[in-house]
Amino acid sequence: MDKNSEITRKKMWVVKLSVASNSALVVFKLIVGFAIGSVSVLSEAIHSGIDLVAALIAYFAVRSSGKPADRQHRYGHGKFENISGFVEALLIFGASAWIIYEAVHKIRNPQPIETIGWGILVMALSSFVNMVVSSTLFKIGNATDSVAIKADAWHLRTDVYTSMGVMTGLILIWFFSFFFHSHDLLWIDPAVAILVALLIIKAAYDLTMQSLGDLLDIALPEAHAEEIGKIIKAQAGVISFKNLRTRKAGATKFVDFDMLVDGTISVEAAHAITDRITEELERKLGSVHATIHTEPCKLFCPEDCAPNCSSPDKPA
């Protein structure tokens, strides 16, 4: 099994785990939420439902992005992952609006919550399961630089925090109703649901910005550009480089630039330099598609070339 196939296998395994865990949590939360009449538990069921949809989208995105380049997609299928992240974000915005609508209705028409212990139990279980699964997703997502998997991981990690918030609200309601026989704090349940929705909206906004950035071919972070510059200038035979451009599609980074070398070296020697640079880029940055245009160095330094010149004879 080659390296790309092994990476795809790991990604498929972890998204299947996410689909399975979210499916179980959605069913459990819906049953308990309706049984005890808790809008915050039901909002968490909707949250997990969106996580399930996100996991399914991630599954199809990972499967599609793992396909090799073909005649219609010469640069591969990596942007399937970016598209999935954007769609996931839209789904989250819609779910958040529904949660806020239901919570406001509950504040206006408060109702007692029955057998609150079940709500506390399902929130504790949800927090534990999602912490384990999201940690696994983050591990694989960071190792493979998968946008879709990291987006799914953030979905579940947000669910951990919101589940803990709902659990805290239910514990407070139970405490005051049990020890003080007071139902004046029923507003805590829908108020926590609104906080859950706001946290989800924040996660959706961040995910939207990341996904759109890659879809619009935003440049790689400055730290990556600096690393690329160091790799280029460290190669023997390279005098300077210019016109560096970068972008990303899925886990693949695209890098292209003009490389200036001694005009007297052979084409074979220049080609060997580009091979070394490409190998080093892949070693340091992961999956990289590099396009390098080789030019002979002139006796003067153009403005766009001078800052990267390593020649000791560079004109002042």
Protein backbone atom coordinates (compact mmCIF):
# COMPACT_ATOMS: atom_id res chain seq x y z
CA MET A 1 0.00 0.00 0.00
CA ASP A 2 1.47 3.36 -1.05
CA LYS A 3 1.65 6.42 1.22
CA ASN A 4 -1.40 8.20 -0.23
CA SER A 5 -3.54 5.07 0.06
CA GLU A 6 -2.51 4.62 3.68
CA ILE A 7 -3.39 8.25 4.47
CA THR A 8 -6.79 7.88 2.80
CA ARG A 9 -7.43 4.66 4.74
CA LYS A 10 -6.73 6.38 8.06
CA LYS A 11 -8.96 9.33 7.14
CA MET A 12 -11.82 7.05 6.11
CA TRP A 13 -11.56 5.06 9.34
CA VAL A 14 -11.76 8.11 11.58
CA VAL A 15 -14.72 9.71 9.75
CA LYS A 16 -16.60 6.39 10.00
CA LEU A 17 -15.96 6.48 13.76
CA SER A 18 -17.40 10.00 13.86
CA VAL A 19 -20.53 8.93 11.95
CA ALA A 20 -21.12 5.98 14.29
CA SER A 21 -20.66 7.96 17.53
CA ASN A 22 -22.84 10.85 16.38
CA SER A 23 -25.62 8.52 15.26
CA ALA A 24 -25.79 6.92 18.71
CA LEU A 25 -25.71 10.27 20.52
CA VAL A 26 -28.46 11.82 18.37
CA VAL A 27 -30.84 8.95 19.18
CA PHE A 28 -29.99 8.97 22.91
CA LYS A 29 -30.34 12.77 23.26
CA LEU A 30 -33.63 12.91 21.37
CA ILE A 31 -35.17 10.17 23.52
CA VAL A 32 -34.05 11.78 26.77
CA GLY A 33 -34.80 15.35 25.64
CA PHE A 34 -38.42 14.56 24.73
CA ALA A 35 -38.85 12.35 27.79
CA ILE A 36 -37.82 15.03 30.32
CA GLY A 37 -38.97 18.07 28.31
CA SER A 38 -35.60 19.85 28.27
CA VAL A 39 -35.05 22.27 25.39
CA SER A 40 -31.32 22.44 26.12
CA VAL A 41 -31.01 18.65 25.80
CA LEU A 42 -33.05 18.78 22.58
CA SER A 43 -30.81 21.60 21.32
CA GLU A 44 -27.85 19.34 21.98
CA ALA A 45 -29.61 16.58 20.03
CA ILE A 46 -29.92 19.00 17.10
CA HIS A 47 -26.27 19.94 17.58
CA SER A 48 -25.29 16.27 17.41
CA GLY A 49 -27.57 15.88 14.39
CA ILE A 50 -25.64 18.61 12.62
CA ASP A 51 -22.41 16.92 13.71
CA LEU A 52 -23.73 13.71 12.14
CA VAL A 53 -24.51 15.49 8.86
CA ALA A 54 -21.06 17.11 9.03
CA ALA A 55 -19.46 13.71 9.59
CA LEU A 56 -21.32 12.28 6.58
CA ILE A 57 -20.23 15.22 4.44
CA ALA A 58 -16.66 14.75 5.68
CA TYR A 59 -16.90 11.05 4.78
CA PHE A 60 -17.88 11.76 1.16
CA ALA A 61 -15.40 14.65 0.94
CA VAL A 62 -12.50 12.51 2.15
CA ARG A 63 -13.48 9.71 -0.21
CA SER A 64 -13.69 12.12 -3.15
CA SER A 65 -10.56 14.12 -2.32
CA GLY A 66 -8.54 10.91 -2.11
CA LYS A 67 -9.06 10.22 -5.80
CA PRO A 68 -6.00 10.84 -8.00
CA ALA A 69 -5.93 13.63 -10.58
CA ASP A 70 -7.72 12.86 -13.83
CA ARG A 71 -8.25 14.49 -17.24
CA GLN A 72 -10.96 16.83 -15.92
CA HIS A 73 -9.26 17.55 -12.57
CA ARG A 74 -5.58 18.00 -13.36
CA TYR A 75 -4.88 19.47 -9.91
CA GLY A 76 -6.61 16.67 -8.06
CA HIS A 77 -9.82 16.67 -6.00
CA GLY A 78 -8.56 18.32 -2.80
CA LYS A 79 -11.11 21.14 -2.82
CA PHE A 80 -13.89 18.68 -2.09
CA GLU A 81 -12.74 19.00 1.52
CA ASN A 82 -12.98 22.81 1.43
CA ILE A 83 -16.45 22.64 -0.07
CA SER A 84 -17.55 20.22 2.65
CA GLY A 85 -16.30 22.61 5.33
CA PHE A 86 -18.32 25.47 3.84
CA VAL A 87 -21.49 23.36 3.59
CA GLU A 88 -21.03 22.21 7.20
CA ALA A 89 -20.83 25.84 8.31
CA LEU A 90 -24.09 26.71 6.56
CA LEU A 91 -25.81 23.81 8.28
CA ILE A 92 -24.55 24.99 11.65
CA PHE A 93 -25.92 28.50 11.11
CA GLY A 94 -29.36 27.04 10.33
CA ALA A 95 -29.34 24.76 13.37
CA SER A 96 -28.33 27.66 15.63
CA ALA A 97 -31.27 29.75 14.44
CA TRP A 98 -33.66 26.89 15.23
CA ILE A 99 -32.18 26.41 18.72
CA ILE A 100 -32.54 30.11 19.56
CA TYR A 101 -36.15 30.14 18.31
CA GLU A 102 -37.09 27.16 20.48
CA ALA A 103 -35.24 28.53 23.51
CA VAL A 104 -36.98 31.90 23.34
CA HIS A 105 -40.33 30.08 23.12
CA LYS A 106 -39.38 28.06 26.21
CA ILE A 107 -38.46 31.21 28.16
CA ARG A 108 -41.87 32.68 27.40
CA ASN A 109 -43.63 29.42 28.27
CA PRO A 110 -41.55 27.67 30.99
CA GLN A 111 -42.40 24.06 31.83
CA PRO A 112 -41.03 21.81 34.60
CA ILE A 113 -38.32 19.33 33.61
CA GLU A 114 -39.04 15.74 34.61
CA THR A 115 -36.52 13.05 35.67
CA ILE A 116 -33.70 15.54 35.26
CA GLY A 117 -31.10 12.90 36.16
CA TRP A 118 -31.43 11.36 32.70
CA GLY A 119 -30.56 14.69 31.13
CA ILE A 120 -27.47 15.02 33.29
CA LEU A 121 -26.45 11.45 32.43
CA VAL A 122 -26.80 11.86 28.67
CA MET A 123 -24.84 15.15 28.73
CA ALA A 124 -22.02 13.53 30.75
CA LEU A 125 -21.91 10.58 28.36
CA SER A 126 -21.97 12.89 25.33
CA SER A 127 -19.08 14.97 26.69
CA PHE A 128 -16.95 11.88 27.30
CA VAL A 129 -17.66 10.22 23.93
CA ASN A 130 -17.13 13.40 21.93
CA MET A 131 -13.90 14.23 23.78
CA VAL A 132 -12.47 10.82 22.85
CA VAL A 133 -13.67 10.94 19.23
CA SER A 134 -12.69 14.60 18.66
CA SER A 135 -9.19 13.92 20.04
CA THR A 136 -8.84 11.06 17.56
CA LEU A 137 -10.10 13.27 14.73
CA PHE A 138 -7.66 16.04 15.63
CA LYS A 139 -4.78 13.55 15.71
CA ILE A 140 -5.56 12.15 12.25
CA GLY A 141 -6.64 15.52 10.83
CA ASN A 142 -3.41 17.25 11.87
CA ALA A 143 -1.27 14.32 10.74
CA THR A 144 -2.89 14.30 7.27
CA ASP A 145 -3.63 18.07 7.12
CA SER A 146 -7.26 17.28 6.27
CA VAL A 147 -9.56 20.31 6.31
CA ALA A 148 -12.68 18.12 6.40
CA ILE A 149 -11.51 16.02 9.33
CA LYS A 150 -10.29 18.99 11.35
CA ALA A 151 -13.63 20.71 10.74
CA ASP A 152 -15.43 17.62 11.99
CA ALA A 153 -13.13 17.54 15.03
CA TRP A 154 -14.00 21.15 15.89
CA HIS A 155 -17.69 20.29 15.58
CA LEU A 156 -17.33 17.58 18.19
CA ARG A 157 -15.03 19.56 20.47
CA THR A 158 -17.62 22.37 20.51
CA ASP A 159 -20.21 19.73 21.38
CA VAL A 160 -18.08 18.74 24.39
CA TYR A 161 -18.18 22.25 25.81
CA THR A 162 -21.85 22.82 25.05
CA SER A 163 -22.82 19.48 26.58
CA MET A 164 -20.94 20.39 29.73
CA GLY A 165 -22.76 23.73 29.80
CA VAL A 166 -26.16 22.06 29.45
CA MET A 167 -25.21 19.55 32.15
CA THR A 168 -24.23 22.38 34.51
CA GLY A 169 -27.57 24.12 33.89
CA LEU A 170 -29.52 20.93 34.59
CA ILE A 171 -27.55 20.33 37.79
CA LEU A 172 -28.39 23.84 39.01
CA ILE A 173 -32.09 23.35 38.26
CA TRP A 174 -32.08 19.97 40.03
CA PHE A 175 -30.22 21.37 43.04
CA PHE A 176 -32.64 24.25 43.67
CA SER A 177 -35.75 22.19 42.94
CA PHE A 178 -34.63 19.33 45.21
CA PHE A 179 -33.28 21.27 48.18
CA PHE A 180 -35.35 24.47 47.99
CA HIS A 181 -38.42 23.21 46.08
CA SER A 182 -38.03 26.18 43.78
CA HIS A 183 -38.87 26.19 40.08
CA ASP A 184 -37.92 29.82 39.55
CA LEU A 185 -34.74 28.79 37.73
CA LEU A 186 -36.37 26.96 34.85
CA TRP A 187 -35.15 29.81 32.63
CA ILE A 188 -31.61 28.42 33.02
CA ASP A 189 -32.38 25.53 30.65
CA PRO A 190 -33.37 27.67 27.59
CA ALA A 191 -30.77 30.31 28.49
CA VAL A 192 -28.04 27.66 28.30
CA ALA A 193 -29.53 26.52 24.97
CA ILE A 194 -29.08 30.06 23.63
CA LEU A 195 -25.46 30.07 24.82
CA VAL A 196 -25.00 26.74 23.05
CA ALA A 197 -26.33 28.29 19.84
CA LEU A 198 -24.02 31.30 20.12
CA LEU A 199 -20.99 29.04 20.58
CA ILE A 200 -22.06 27.04 17.55
CA ILE A 201 -22.41 30.23 15.49
CA LYS A 202 -18.86 31.23 16.44
CA ALA A 203 -17.55 27.82 15.32
CA ALA A 204 -19.53 28.12 12.08
CA TYR A 205 -18.07 31.56 11.36
CA ASP A 206 -14.49 30.35 11.89
CA LEU A 207 -15.12 27.31 9.71
CA THR A 208 -16.65 29.49 6.97
CA MET A 209 -13.62 31.79 6.90
CA GLN A 210 -11.19 28.87 6.69
CA SER A 211 -13.11 27.06 3.96
CA LEU A 212 -13.72 30.16 1.86
CA GLY A 213 -10.08 31.18 2.21
CA ASP A 214 -8.90 27.97 0.56
CA LEU A 215 -11.67 28.06 -2.06
CA LEU A 216 -10.59 31.61 -2.99
CA ASP A 217 -6.92 30.51 -3.17
CA ILE A 218 -5.75 32.61 -0.23
CA ALA A 219 -1.98 32.44 0.29
CA LEU A 220 -0.43 30.06 2.80
CA PRO A 221 0.43 31.54 6.23
CA GLU A 222 3.48 33.80 6.41
CA ALA A 223 5.35 31.18 8.45
CA HIS A 224 5.01 28.74 5.55
CA ALA A 225 6.21 31.37 3.06
CA GLU A 226 9.29 31.99 5.21
CA GLU A 227 9.97 28.26 5.43
CA ILE A 228 9.66 27.92 1.66
CA GLY A 229 12.13 30.79 1.16
CA LYS A 230 14.64 29.15 3.50
CA ILE A 231 14.35 25.84 1.66
CA ILE A 232 14.92 27.48 -1.73
CA LYS A 233 17.91 29.56 -0.68
CA ALA A 234 19.50 26.63 1.16
CA GLN A 235 19.93 24.66 -2.06
CA ALA A 236 23.39 24.76 -3.66
CA GLY A 237 23.25 26.42 -7.07
CA VAL A 238 20.31 28.72 -6.32
CA ILE A 239 21.25 32.40 -6.59
CA SER A 240 17.81 33.89 -5.92
CA PHE A 241 14.07 33.46 -6.45
CA LYS A 242 11.07 35.73 -7.12
CA ASN A 243 7.32 35.75 -7.77
CA LEU A 244 6.55 33.25 -5.01
CA ARG A 245 2.87 32.28 -5.03
CA THR A 246 1.11 29.79 -2.77
CA ARG A 247 -2.37 28.38 -2.27
CA LYS A 248 -4.02 25.29 -0.87
CA ALA A 249 -6.65 22.75 -1.94
CA GLY A 250 -7.62 20.23 0.72
CA ALA A 251 -4.39 18.90 2.20
CA THR A 252 -2.30 19.75 -0.87
CA LYS A 253 -0.24 22.96 -0.91
CA PHE A 254 0.56 24.51 -4.27
CA VAL A 255 3.81 26.48 -4.59
CA ASP A 256 5.18 28.18 -7.68
CA PHE A 257 8.05 30.63 -8.15
CA ASP A 258 10.86 31.71 -10.49
CA MET A 259 14.27 30.31 -9.54
CA LEU A 260 17.44 32.09 -10.68
CA VAL A 261 20.59 30.05 -11.22
CA ASP A 262 23.96 30.46 -12.91
CA GLY A 263 23.24 30.70 -16.63
CA THR A 264 26.20 28.47 -17.50
CA ILE A 265 24.97 25.32 -15.74
CA SER A 266 23.35 22.53 -17.73
CA VAL A 267 19.61 21.88 -17.97
CA GLU A 268 20.22 18.58 -16.17
CA ALA A 269 21.89 20.36 -13.25
CA ALA A 270 19.05 22.90 -13.02
CA HIS A 271 16.52 20.08 -13.07
CA ALA A 272 18.35 18.33 -10.23
CA ILE A 273 18.05 21.51 -8.14
CA THR A 274 14.28 21.66 -8.67
CA ASP A 275 13.99 17.99 -7.65
CA ARG A 276 15.89 18.65 -4.41
CA ILE A 277 13.71 21.67 -3.61
CA THR A 278 10.52 19.73 -4.26
CA GLU A 279 11.66 16.85 -2.05
CA GLU A 280 12.56 19.22 0.78
CA LEU A 281 9.23 21.08 0.48
CA GLU A 282 7.36 17.79 0.79
CA ARG A 283 9.50 16.73 3.75
CA LYS A 284 8.85 19.97 5.64
CA LEU A 285 5.30 20.89 4.54
CA GLY A 286 3.63 17.60 3.66
CA SER A 287 1.77 17.20 0.37
CA VAL A 288 3.16 19.86 -2.00
CA HIS A 289 2.72 20.44 -5.73
CA ALA A 290 5.59 22.70 -6.81
CA THR A 291 5.90 24.52 -10.14
CA ILE A 292 9.36 26.00 -10.60
CA HIS A 293 10.37 28.23 -13.52
CA THR A 294 14.15 28.32 -13.94
CA GLU A 295 15.85 31.51 -15.20
CA PRO A 296 19.52 32.45 -15.74
CA CYS A 297 20.74 35.09 -13.30
CA LYS A 298 21.58 38.46 -14.90
CA LEU A 299 24.40 40.82 -13.91
CA PHE A 300 21.96 43.06 -12.05
CA CYS A 301 19.28 42.44 -9.41
CA PRO A 302 15.73 43.42 -10.35
CA GLU A 303 13.65 44.90 -7.54
CA ASP A 304 11.59 41.75 -7.07
CA CYS A 305 14.66 39.52 -7.05
CA ALA A 306 17.19 41.43 -4.90
CA PRO A 307 15.69 40.68 -1.46
CA ASN A 308 16.20 36.92 -1.94
CA CYS A 309 19.61 37.08 -3.62
CA SER A 310 22.31 34.95 -1.99
CA SER A 311 25.12 35.86 -4.39
CA PRO A 312 28.16 37.45 -2.71
CA ASP A 313 28.60 39.52 -5.90
CA LYS A 314 25.14 41.12 -5.66
CA PRO A 315 25.36 44.76 -6.73
CA ALA A 316 24.84 47.31 -3.97
